[in-house]
Amino acid sequence: MKAKEFKEAVIRILNQDIKFEGHVEKVAESITEHRQEKILDWIKECKEGIQRPEPCTNFRNLISFIYKSNDNRIRCILTKEKESYFIELFIDKHKYYDRKRKYLGL
């Protein structure tokens, strides 16, 4: 699926608009459809409360869910306000993920 379709699928799962950060388009275009489906399944699990969030120590009102691919190439951070809405989906490679993680205080 193309990057635009991937983003639309994320919005459909969360049933709300969110911000996309990182190189989402580039990553979505470069990974297999199977990997895209795994990420979408992970997002569903985050929404359903199956995945456990981590508190963002730099932003006390936020929590984040972290996805790490088996081959350590792709990282995702789904950020949510506590007891409220999802805000942002960050998808990128390890180097940029580390920067975002440190920014959030994870």
PDB file of N, CA and C in Angstrom:
ATOM      1  N   MET A   1       0.844  -1.174   0.000  1.00  0.00           N
ATOM      2  CA  MET A   1       0.000   0.000   0.000  1.00  0.00           C
ATOM      3  C   MET A   1       0.891   1.240   0.000  1.00  0.00           C
ATOM      4  N   LYS A   2       0.428   2.244  -0.613  1.00  0.00           N
ATOM      5  CA  LYS A   2       1.177   3.502  -0.709  1.00  0.00           C
ATOM      6  C   LYS A   2       1.121   4.253   0.624  1.00  0.00           C
ATOM      7  N   ALA A   3       2.001   5.237   0.761  1.00  0.00           N
ATOM      8  CA  ALA A   3       2.081   6.009   2.006  1.00  0.00           C
ATOM      9  C   ALA A   3       0.754   6.689   2.336  1.00  0.00           C
ATOM     10  N   LYS A   4       0.092   7.228   1.329  1.00  0.00           N
ATOM     11  CA  LYS A   4      -1.186   7.909   1.559  1.00  0.00           C
ATOM     12  C   LYS A   4      -2.229   6.919   2.084  1.00  0.00           C
ATOM     13  N   GLU A   5      -2.275   5.727   1.506  1.00  0.00           N
ATOM     14  CA  GLU A   5      -3.215   4.697   1.964  1.00  0.00           C
ATOM     15  C   GLU A   5      -2.885   4.246   3.385  1.00  0.00           C
ATOM     16  N   PHE A   6      -1.599   4.145   3.674  1.00  0.00           N
ATOM     17  CA  PHE A   6      -1.159   3.762   5.013  1.00  0.00           C
ATOM     18  C   PHE A   6      -1.629   4.796   6.038  1.00  0.00           C
ATOM     19  N   LYS A   7      -1.425   6.067   5.742  1.00  0.00           N
ATOM     20  CA  LYS A   7      -1.860   7.130   6.656  1.00  0.00           C
ATOM     21  C   LYS A   7      -3.370   7.103   6.847  1.00  0.00           C
ATOM     22  N   GLU A   8      -4.099   6.897   5.754  1.00  0.00           N
ATOM     23  CA  GLU A   8      -5.558   6.826   5.846  1.00  0.00           C
ATOM     24  C   GLU A   8      -5.997   5.646   6.716  1.00  0.00           C
ATOM     25  N   ALA A   9      -5.279   4.520   6.616  1.00  0.00           N
ATOM     26  CA  ALA A   9      -5.595   3.357   7.437  1.00  0.00           C
ATOM     27  C   ALA A   9      -5.365   3.660   8.918  1.00  0.00           C
ATOM     28  N   VAL A  10      -4.294   4.382   9.223  1.00  0.00           N
ATOM     29  CA  VAL A  10      -4.013   4.767  10.611  1.00  0.00           C
ATOM     30  C   VAL A  10      -5.139   5.653  11.147  1.00  0.00           C
ATOM     31  N   ILE A  11      -5.540   6.628  10.367  1.00  0.00           N
ATOM     32  CA  ILE A  11      -6.609   7.546  10.781  1.00  0.00           C
ATOM     33  C   ILE A  11      -7.917   6.781  10.974  1.00  0.00           C
ATOM     34  N   ARG A  12      -8.185   5.825  10.102  1.00  0.00           N
ATOM     35  CA  ARG A  12      -9.396   5.008  10.210  1.00  0.00           C
ATOM     36  C   ARG A  12      -9.376   4.161  11.499  1.00  0.00           C
ATOM     37  N   ILE A  13      -8.236   3.569  11.804  1.00  0.00           N
ATOM     38  CA  ILE A  13      -8.119   2.748  13.016  1.00  0.00           C
ATOM     39  C   ILE A  13      -8.344   3.594  14.266  1.00  0.00           C
ATOM     40  N   LEU A  14      -7.685   4.741  14.321  1.00  0.00           N
ATOM     41  CA  LEU A  14      -7.776   5.599  15.514  1.00  0.00           C
ATOM     42  C   LEU A  14      -9.066   6.408  15.547  1.00  0.00           C
ATOM     43  N   ASN A  15      -9.740   6.474  14.407  1.00  0.00           N
ATOM     44  CA  ASN A  15     -10.988   7.215  14.280  1.00  0.00           C
ATOM     45  C   ASN A  15     -10.820   8.693  14.642  1.00  0.00           C
ATOM     46  N   GLN A  16      -9.674   9.245  14.222  1.00  0.00           N
ATOM     47  CA  GLN A  16      -9.381  10.658  14.455  1.00  0.00           C
ATOM     48  C   GLN A  16      -8.172  11.070  13.621  1.00  0.00           C
ATOM     49  N   ASP A  17      -8.050  12.371  13.386  1.00  0.00           N
ATOM     50  CA  ASP A  17      -6.868  12.899  12.712  1.00  0.00           C
ATOM     51  C   ASP A  17      -5.721  12.946  13.701  1.00  0.00           C
ATOM     52  N   ILE A  18      -4.529  12.623  13.222  1.00  0.00           N
ATOM     53  CA  ILE A  18      -3.337  12.745  14.047  1.00  0.00           C
ATOM     54  C   ILE A  18      -2.223  13.340  13.200  1.00  0.00           C
ATOM     55  N   LYS A  19      -1.182  13.735  13.868  1.00  0.00           N
ATOM     56  CA  LYS A  19       0.000  14.284  13.208  1.00  0.00           C
ATOM     57  C   LYS A  19       0.945  13.127  12.892  1.00  0.00           C
ATOM     58  N   PHE A  20       1.576  13.175  11.727  1.00  0.00           N
ATOM     59  CA  PHE A  20       2.563  12.177  11.345  1.00  0.00           C
ATOM     60  C   PHE A  20       3.933  12.830  11.363  1.00  0.00           C
ATOM     61  N   GLU A  21       4.877  12.208  12.065  1.00  0.00           N
ATOM     62  CA  GLU A  21       6.227  12.739  12.206  1.00  0.00           C
ATOM     63  C   GLU A  21       7.241  11.724  11.705  1.00  0.00           C
ATOM     64  N   GLY A  22       8.430  12.206  11.463  1.00  0.00           N
ATOM     65  CA  GLY A  22       9.486  11.347  10.952  1.00  0.00           C
ATOM     66  C   GLY A  22       9.369  11.230   9.447  1.00  0.00           C
ATOM     67  N   HIS A  23       9.972  10.221   8.899  1.00  0.00           N
ATOM     68  CA  HIS A  23       9.930   9.992   7.458  1.00  0.00           C
ATOM     69  C   HIS A  23       8.860   8.943   7.148  1.00  0.00           C
ATOM     70  N   VAL A  24       7.625   9.232   7.510  1.00  0.00           N
ATOM     71  CA  VAL A  24       6.531   8.272   7.376  1.00  0.00           C
ATOM     72  C   VAL A  24       6.348   7.843   5.930  1.00  0.00           C
ATOM     73  N   GLU A  25       6.322   8.801   5.013  1.00  0.00           N
ATOM     74  CA  GLU A  25       6.107   8.473   3.604  1.00  0.00           C
ATOM     75  C   GLU A  25       7.218   7.567   3.083  1.00  0.00           C
ATOM     76  N   LYS A  26       8.435   7.938   3.359  1.00  0.00           N
ATOM     77  CA  LYS A  26       9.580   7.176   2.875  1.00  0.00           C
ATOM     78  C   LYS A  26       9.595   5.760   3.459  1.00  0.00           C
ATOM     79  N   VAL A  27       9.349   5.662   4.745  1.00  0.00           N
ATOM     80  CA  VAL A  27       9.354   4.355   5.404  1.00  0.00           C
ATOM     81  C   VAL A  27       8.193   3.505   4.892  1.00  0.00           C
ATOM     82  N   ALA A  28       6.990   4.080   4.818  1.00  0.00           N
ATOM     83  CA  ALA A  28       5.821   3.319   4.373  1.00  0.00           C
ATOM     84  C   ALA A  28       6.009   2.795   2.946  1.00  0.00           C
ATOM     85  N   GLU A  29       6.664   3.569   2.116  1.00  0.00           N
ATOM     86  CA  GLU A  29       6.907   3.139   0.733  1.00  0.00           C
ATOM     87  C   GLU A  29       7.986   2.069   0.650  1.00  0.00           C
ATOM     88  N   SER A  30       8.893   2.040   1.620  1.00  0.00           N
ATOM     89  CA  SER A  30      10.041   1.132   1.522  1.00  0.00           C
ATOM     90  C   SER A  30       9.827  -0.218   2.208  1.00  0.00           C
ATOM     91  N   ILE A  31       8.811  -0.331   3.048  1.00  0.00           N
ATOM     92  CA  ILE A  31       8.593  -1.602   3.741  1.00  0.00           C
ATOM     93  C   ILE A  31       7.518  -2.421   3.015  1.00  0.00           C
ATOM     94  N   THR A  32       7.515  -3.706   3.301  1.00  0.00           N
ATOM     95  CA  THR A  32       6.557  -4.596   2.651  1.00  0.00           C
ATOM     96  C   THR A  32       5.146  -4.362   3.195  1.00  0.00           C
ATOM     97  N   GLU A  33       4.179  -4.830   2.452  1.00  0.00           N
ATOM     98  CA  GLU A  33       2.797  -4.696   2.899  1.00  0.00           C
ATOM     99  C   GLU A  33       2.564  -5.506   4.177  1.00  0.00           C
ATOM    100  N   HIS A  34       3.246  -6.621   4.288  1.00  0.00           N
ATOM    101  CA  HIS A  34       3.149  -7.428   5.514  1.00  0.00           C
ATOM    102  C   HIS A  34       3.621  -6.625   6.728  1.00  0.00           C
ATOM    103  N   ARG A  35       4.730  -5.910   6.585  1.00  0.00           N
ATOM    104  CA  ARG A  35       5.253  -5.083   7.683  1.00  0.00           C
ATOM    105  C   ARG A  35       4.293  -3.935   7.982  1.00  0.00           C
ATOM    106  N   GLN A  36       3.713  -3.351   6.954  1.00  0.00           N
ATOM    107  CA  GLN A  36       2.723  -2.295   7.157  1.00  0.00           C
ATOM    108  C   GLN A  36       1.544  -2.825   7.968  1.00  0.00           C
ATOM    109  N   GLU A  37       1.090  -4.018   7.638  1.00  0.00           N
ATOM    110  CA  GLU A  37      -0.028  -4.626   8.354  1.00  0.00           C
ATOM    111  C   GLU A  37       0.333  -4.894   9.815  1.00  0.00           C
ATOM    112  N   LYS A  38       1.577  -5.296  10.065  1.00  0.00           N
ATOM    113  CA  LYS A  38       2.014  -5.516  11.449  1.00  0.00           C
ATOM    114  C   LYS A  38       1.955  -4.213  12.250  1.00  0.00           C
ATOM    115  N   ILE A  39       2.388  -3.123  11.621  1.00  0.00           N
ATOM    116  CA  ILE A  39       2.345  -1.815  12.292  1.00  0.00           C
ATOM    117  C   ILE A  39       0.898  -1.406  12.540  1.00  0.00           C
ATOM    118  N   LEU A  40       0.033  -1.609  11.564  1.00  0.00           N
ATOM    119  CA  LEU A  40      -1.384  -1.268  11.725  1.00  0.00           C
ATOM    120  C   LEU A  40      -2.030  -2.118  12.823  1.00  0.00           C
ATOM    121  N   ASP A  41      -1.659  -3.393  12.898  1.00  0.00           N
ATOM    122  CA  ASP A  41      -2.168  -4.250  13.975  1.00  0.00           C
ATOM    123  C   ASP A  41      -1.694  -3.754  15.343  1.00  0.00           C
ATOM    124  N   TRP A  42      -0.436  -3.313  15.397  1.00  0.00           N
ATOM    125  CA  TRP A  42       0.110  -2.757  16.647  1.00  0.00           C
ATOM    126  C   TRP A  42      -0.677  -1.506  17.053  1.00  0.00           C
ATOM    127  N   ILE A  43      -1.010  -0.653  16.077  1.00  0.00           N
ATOM    128  CA  ILE A  43      -1.787   0.559  16.365  1.00  0.00           C
ATOM    129  C   ILE A  43      -3.162   0.179  16.919  1.00  0.00           C
ATOM    130  N   LYS A  44      -3.786  -0.852  16.339  1.00  0.00           N
ATOM    131  CA  LYS A  44      -5.077  -1.331  16.855  1.00  0.00           C
ATOM    132  C   LYS A  44      -4.937  -1.786  18.309  1.00  0.00           C
ATOM    133  N   GLU A  45      -3.866  -2.509  18.586  1.00  0.00           N
ATOM    134  CA  GLU A  45      -3.638  -2.984  19.962  1.00  0.00           C
ATOM    135  C   GLU A  45      -3.412  -1.820  20.920  1.00  0.00           C
ATOM    136  N   CYS A  46      -2.754  -0.764  20.454  1.00  0.00           N
ATOM    137  CA  CYS A  46      -2.568   0.422  21.299  1.00  0.00           C
ATOM    138  C   CYS A  46      -3.916   1.043  21.625  1.00  0.00           C
ATOM    139  N   LYS A  47      -4.751   1.174  20.626  1.00  0.00           N
ATOM    140  CA  LYS A  47      -6.064   1.783  20.829  1.00  0.00           C
ATOM    141  C   LYS A  47      -6.928   0.941  21.756  1.00  0.00           C
ATOM    142  N   GLU A  48      -6.843  -0.377  21.632  1.00  0.00           N
ATOM    143  CA  GLU A  48      -7.671  -1.277  22.435  1.00  0.00           C
ATOM    144  C   GLU A  48      -7.128  -1.492  23.844  1.00  0.00           C
ATOM    145  N   GLY A  49      -5.958  -0.931  24.149  1.00  0.00           N
ATOM    146  CA  GLY A  49      -5.385  -1.058  25.476  1.00  0.00           C
ATOM    147  C   GLY A  49      -4.604  -2.340  25.694  1.00  0.00           C
ATOM    148  N   ILE A  50      -4.311  -3.059  24.633  1.00  0.00           N
ATOM    149  CA  ILE A  50      -3.539  -4.302  24.749  1.00  0.00           C
ATOM    150  C   ILE A  50      -2.056  -3.980  24.961  1.00  0.00           C
ATOM    151  N   GLN A  51      -1.549  -3.011  24.218  1.00  0.00           N
ATOM    152  CA  GLN A  51      -0.159  -2.579  24.378  1.00  0.00           C
ATOM    153  C   GLN A  51      -0.062  -1.676  25.600  1.00  0.00           C
ATOM    154  N   ARG A  52       1.070  -1.746  26.276  1.00  0.00           N
ATOM    155  CA  ARG A  52       1.269  -0.923  27.478  1.00  0.00           C
ATOM    156  C   ARG A  52       2.076   0.325  27.124  1.00  0.00           C
ATOM    157  N   PRO A  53       1.570   1.490  27.502  1.00  0.00           N
ATOM    158  CA  PRO A  53       2.282   2.733  27.218  1.00  0.00           C
ATOM    159  C   PRO A  53       3.367   3.021  28.247  1.00  0.00           C
ATOM    160  N   GLU A  54       4.258   3.911  27.859  1.00  0.00           N
ATOM    161  CA  GLU A  54       5.285   4.407  28.773  1.00  0.00           C
ATOM    162  C   GLU A  54       5.025   5.884  29.027  1.00  0.00           C
ATOM    163  N   PRO A  55       5.248   6.355  30.237  1.00  0.00           N
ATOM    164  CA  PRO A  55       5.059   7.788  30.501  1.00  0.00           C
ATOM    165  C   PRO A  55       6.173   8.604  29.852  1.00  0.00           C
ATOM    166  N   CYS A  56       5.824   9.778  29.380  1.00  0.00           N
ATOM    167  CA  CYS A  56       6.807  10.705  28.814  1.00  0.00           C
ATOM    168  C   CYS A  56       7.237  11.639  29.941  1.00  0.00           C
ATOM    169  N   THR A  57       8.436  11.454  30.459  1.00  0.00           N
ATOM    170  CA  THR A  57       8.850  12.232  31.630  1.00  0.00           C
ATOM    171  C   THR A  57       9.029  13.713  31.326  1.00  0.00           C
ATOM    172  N   ASN A  58       9.276  14.074  30.090  1.00  0.00           N
ATOM    173  CA  ASN A  58       9.426  15.488  29.744  1.00  0.00           C
ATOM    174  C   ASN A  58       8.079  16.178  29.515  1.00  0.00           C
ATOM    175  N   PHE A  59       7.021  15.383  29.330  1.00  0.00           N
ATOM    176  CA  PHE A  59       5.674  15.911  29.122  1.00  0.00           C
ATOM    177  C   PHE A  59       4.729  15.059  29.964  1.00  0.00           C
ATOM    178  N   ARG A  60       4.440  15.498  31.153  1.00  0.00           N
ATOM    179  CA  ARG A  60       3.701  14.699  32.126  1.00  0.00           C
ATOM    180  C   ARG A  60       2.281  14.338  31.686  1.00  0.00           C
ATOM    181  N   ASN A  61       1.716  15.075  30.739  1.00  0.00           N
ATOM    182  CA  ASN A  61       0.359  14.791  30.287  1.00  0.00           C
ATOM    183  C   ASN A  61       0.328  13.808  29.108  1.00  0.00           C
ATOM    184  N   LEU A  62       1.503  13.297  28.693  1.00  0.00           N
ATOM    185  CA  LEU A  62       1.561  12.384  27.552  1.00  0.00           C
ATOM    186  C   LEU A  62       2.030  10.991  27.948  1.00  0.00           C
ATOM    187  N   ILE A  63       1.550  10.013  27.176  1.00  0.00           N
ATOM    188  CA  ILE A  63       2.066   8.648  27.246  1.00  0.00           C
ATOM    189  C   ILE A  63       2.392   8.218  25.825  1.00  0.00           C
ATOM    190  N   SER A  64       3.300   7.264  25.677  1.00  0.00           N
ATOM    191  CA  SER A  64       3.707   6.814  24.352  1.00  0.00           C
ATOM    192  C   SER A  64       3.793   5.304  24.285  1.00  0.00           C
ATOM    193  N   PHE A  65       3.414   4.794  23.131  1.00  0.00           N
ATOM    194  CA  PHE A  65       3.543   3.376  22.828  1.00  0.00           C
ATOM    195  C   PHE A  65       4.717   3.231  21.874  1.00  0.00           C
ATOM    196  N   ILE A  66       5.542   2.212  22.074  1.00  0.00           N
ATOM    197  CA  ILE A  66       6.746   2.050  21.259  1.00  0.00           C
ATOM    198  C   ILE A  66       6.698   0.730  20.499  1.00  0.00           C
ATOM    199  N   TYR A  67       7.003   0.810  19.208  1.00  0.00           N
ATOM    200  CA  TYR A  67       7.079  -0.370  18.339  1.00  0.00           C
ATOM    201  C   TYR A  67       8.495  -0.482  17.796  1.00  0.00           C
ATOM    202  N   LYS A  68       9.068  -1.664  17.940  1.00  0.00           N
ATOM    203  CA  LYS A  68      10.393  -1.934  17.383  1.00  0.00           C
ATOM    204  C   LYS A  68      10.264  -3.142  16.470  1.00  0.00           C
ATOM    205  N   SER A  69      10.686  -2.996  15.229  1.00  0.00           N
ATOM    206  CA  SER A  69      10.610  -4.128  14.305  1.00  0.00           C
ATOM    207  C   SER A  69      11.634  -5.191  14.695  1.00  0.00           C
ATOM    208  N   ASN A  70      11.383  -6.401  14.260  1.00  0.00           N
ATOM    209  CA  ASN A  70      12.280  -7.508  14.596  1.00  0.00           C
ATOM    210  C   ASN A  70      13.693  -7.308  14.077  1.00  0.00           C
ATOM    211  N   ASP A  71      13.826  -6.631  12.941  1.00  0.00           N
ATOM    212  CA  ASP A  71      15.157  -6.430  12.372  1.00  0.00           C
ATOM    213  C   ASP A  71      15.795  -5.113  12.832  1.00  0.00           C
ATOM    214  N   ASN A  72      15.134  -4.413  13.752  1.00  0.00           N
ATOM    215  CA  ASN A  72      15.635  -3.153  14.327  1.00  0.00           C
ATOM    216  C   ASN A  72      15.817  -2.035  13.299  1.00  0.00           C
ATOM    217  N   ARG A  73      15.152  -2.133  12.167  1.00  0.00           N
ATOM    218  CA  ARG A  73      15.263  -1.067  11.168  1.00  0.00           C
ATOM    219  C   ARG A  73      14.229   0.026  11.377  1.00  0.00           C
ATOM    220  N   ILE A  74      13.024  -0.364  11.729  1.00  0.00           N
ATOM    221  CA  ILE A  74      11.923   0.582  11.830  1.00  0.00           C
ATOM    222  C   ILE A  74      11.489   0.710  13.287  1.00  0.00           C
ATOM    223  N   ARG A  75      11.267   1.958  13.701  1.00  0.00           N
ATOM    224  CA  ARG A  75      10.775   2.258  15.051  1.00  0.00           C
ATOM    225  C   ARG A  75       9.555   3.161  14.927  1.00  0.00           C
ATOM    226  N   CYS A  76       8.595   2.946  15.797  1.00  0.00           N
ATOM    227  CA  CYS A  76       7.399   3.776  15.817  1.00  0.00           C
ATOM    228  C   CYS A  76       7.127   4.228  17.245  1.00  0.00           C
ATOM    229  N   ILE A  77       6.633   5.435  17.359  1.00  0.00           N
ATOM    230  CA  ILE A  77       6.177   5.952  18.647  1.00  0.00           C
ATOM    231  C   ILE A  77       4.794   6.547  18.414  1.00  0.00           C
ATOM    232  N   LEU A  78       3.812   6.017  19.101  1.00  0.00           N
ATOM    233  CA  LEU A  78       2.449   6.534  19.028  1.00  0.00           C
ATOM    234  C   LEU A  78       2.192   7.277  20.335  1.00  0.00           C
ATOM    235  N   THR A  79       1.986   8.574  20.230  1.00  0.00           N
ATOM    236  CA  THR A  79       1.853   9.435  21.403  1.00  0.00           C
ATOM    237  C   THR A  79       0.384   9.767  21.648  1.00  0.00           C
ATOM    238  N   LYS A  80       0.027   9.782  22.915  1.00  0.00           N
ATOM    239  CA  LYS A  80      -1.362  10.016  23.307  1.00  0.00           C
ATOM    240  C   LYS A  80      -1.392  10.883  24.551  1.00  0.00           C
ATOM    241  N   GLU A  81      -2.394  11.739  24.629  1.00  0.00           N
ATOM    242  CA  GLU A  81      -2.627  12.463  25.875  1.00  0.00           C
ATOM    243  C   GLU A  81      -3.251  11.498  26.859  1.00  0.00           C
ATOM    244  N   LYS A  82      -2.866  11.590  28.113  1.00  0.00           N
ATOM    245  CA  LYS A  82      -3.451  10.707  29.135  1.00  0.00           C
ATOM    246  C   LYS A  82      -4.959  10.901  29.163  1.00  0.00           C
ATOM    247  N   GLU A  83      -5.676   9.790  29.179  1.00  0.00           N
ATOM    248  CA  GLU A  83      -7.141   9.798  29.261  1.00  0.00           C
ATOM    249  C   GLU A  83      -7.793  10.630  28.153  1.00  0.00           C
ATOM    250  N   SER A  84      -7.139  10.709  26.981  1.00  0.00           N
ATOM    251  CA  SER A  84      -7.691  11.546  25.914  1.00  0.00           C
ATOM    252  C   SER A  84      -7.346  10.961  24.556  1.00  0.00           C
ATOM    253  N   TYR A  85      -7.011  11.827  23.609  1.00  0.00           N
ATOM    254  CA  TYR A  85      -6.833  11.459  22.218  1.00  0.00           C
ATOM    255  C   TYR A  85      -5.390  11.127  21.858  1.00  0.00           C
ATOM    256  N   PHE A  86      -5.255  10.359  20.774  1.00  0.00           N
ATOM    257  CA  PHE A  86      -3.938  10.126  20.189  1.00  0.00           C
ATOM    258  C   PHE A  86      -3.522  11.399  19.477  1.00  0.00           C
ATOM    259  N   ILE A  87      -2.246  11.725  19.546  1.00  0.00           N
ATOM    260  CA  ILE A  87      -1.744  12.981  19.008  1.00  0.00           C
ATOM    261  C   ILE A  87      -0.890  12.777  17.769  1.00  0.00           C
ATOM    262  N   GLU A  88       0.045  11.818  17.853  1.00  0.00           N
ATOM    263  CA  GLU A  88       1.073  11.746  16.820  1.00  0.00           C
ATOM    264  C   GLU A  88       1.558  10.315  16.614  1.00  0.00           C
ATOM    265  N   LEU A  89       1.874  10.001  15.348  1.00  0.00           N
ATOM    266  CA  LEU A  89       2.542   8.747  15.026  1.00  0.00           C
ATOM    267  C   LEU A  89       3.881   9.100  14.401  1.00  0.00           C
ATOM    268  N   PHE A  90       4.937   8.654  15.051  1.00  0.00           N
ATOM    269  CA  PHE A  90       6.297   8.876  14.572  1.00  0.00           C
ATOM    270  C   PHE A  90       6.815   7.551  14.036  1.00  0.00           C
ATOM    271  N   ILE A  91       7.277   7.541  12.785  1.00  0.00           N
ATOM    272  CA  ILE A  91       7.889   6.344  12.199  1.00  0.00           C
ATOM    273  C   ILE A  91       9.187   6.764  11.529  1.00  0.00           C
ATOM    274  N   ASP A  92      10.260   6.078  11.885  1.00  0.00           N
ATOM    275  CA  ASP A  92      11.545   6.388  11.262  1.00  0.00           C
ATOM    276  C   ASP A  92      12.553   5.306  11.594  1.00  0.00           C
ATOM    277  N   LYS A  93      13.781   5.566  11.222  1.00  0.00           N
ATOM    278  CA  LYS A  93      14.858   4.634  11.511  1.00  0.00           C
ATOM    279  C   LYS A  93      15.422   4.913  12.903  1.00  0.00           C
ATOM    280  N   HIS A  94      16.304   4.055  13.337  1.00  0.00           N
ATOM    281  CA  HIS A  94      16.806   4.059  14.708  1.00  0.00           C
ATOM    282  C   HIS A  94      17.386   5.400  15.146  1.00  0.00           C
ATOM    283  N   LYS A  95      18.200   6.033  14.329  1.00  0.00           N
ATOM    284  CA  LYS A  95      18.874   7.285  14.709  1.00  0.00           C
ATOM    285  C   LYS A  95      17.867   8.381  15.061  1.00  0.00           C
ATOM    286  N   TYR A  96      16.848   8.562  14.233  1.00  0.00           N
ATOM    287  CA  TYR A  96      15.854   9.602  14.469  1.00  0.00           C
ATOM    288  C   TYR A  96      14.924   9.222  15.617  1.00  0.00           C
ATOM    289  N   TYR A  97      14.692   7.939  15.765  1.00  0.00           N
ATOM    290  CA  TYR A  97      13.881   7.430  16.874  1.00  0.00           C
ATOM    291  C   TYR A  97      14.540   7.790  18.205  1.00  0.00           C
ATOM    292  N   ASP A  98      15.855   7.627  18.308  1.00  0.00           N
ATOM    293  CA  ASP A  98      16.558   7.963  19.549  1.00  0.00           C
ATOM    294  C   ASP A  98      16.390   9.432  19.910  1.00  0.00           C
ATOM    295  N   ARG A  99      16.447  10.304  18.904  1.00  0.00           N
ATOM    296  CA  ARG A  99      16.253  11.738  19.158  1.00  0.00           C
ATOM    297  C   ARG A  99      14.847  12.006  19.688  1.00  0.00           C
ATOM    298  N   LYS A 100      13.853  11.413  19.053  1.00  0.00           N
ATOM    299  CA  LYS A 100      12.459  11.629  19.462  1.00  0.00           C
ATOM    300  C   LYS A 100      12.221  11.063  20.864  1.00  0.00           C
ATOM    301  N   ARG A 101      12.770   9.904  21.131  1.00  0.00           N
ATOM    302  CA  ARG A 101      12.630   9.267  22.437  1.00  0.00           C
ATOM    303  C   ARG A 101      13.215  10.159  23.530  1.00  0.00           C
ATOM    304  N   LYS A 102      14.385  10.700  23.289  1.00  0.00           N
ATOM    305  CA  LYS A 102      15.021  11.593  24.274  1.00  0.00           C
ATOM    306  C   LYS A 102      14.217  12.874  24.460  1.00  0.00           C
ATOM    307  N   TYR A 103      13.674  13.399  23.365  1.00  0.00           N
ATOM    308  CA  TYR A 103      12.853  14.607  23.428  1.00  0.00           C
ATOM    309  C   TYR A 103      11.636  14.383  24.332  1.00  0.00           C
ATOM    310  N   LEU A 104      10.995  13.218  24.176  1.00  0.00           N
ATOM    311  CA  LEU A 104       9.811  12.913  24.976  1.00  0.00           C
ATOM    312  C   LEU A 104      10.146  12.499  26.399  1.00  0.00           C
ATOM    313  N   GLY A 105      11.382  12.092  26.619  1.00  0.00           N
ATOM    314  CA  GLY A 105      11.792  11.643  27.945  1.00  0.00           C
ATOM    315  C   GLY A 105      11.470  10.177  28.180  1.00  0.00           C
ATOM    316  N   LEU A 106      11.597   9.387  27.144  1.00  0.00           N
ATOM    317  CA  LEU A 106      11.317   7.936  27.251  1.00  0.00           C
ATOM    318  C   LEU A 106      12.585   7.169  27.545  1.00  0.00           C
TER     319      LEU A 106
END
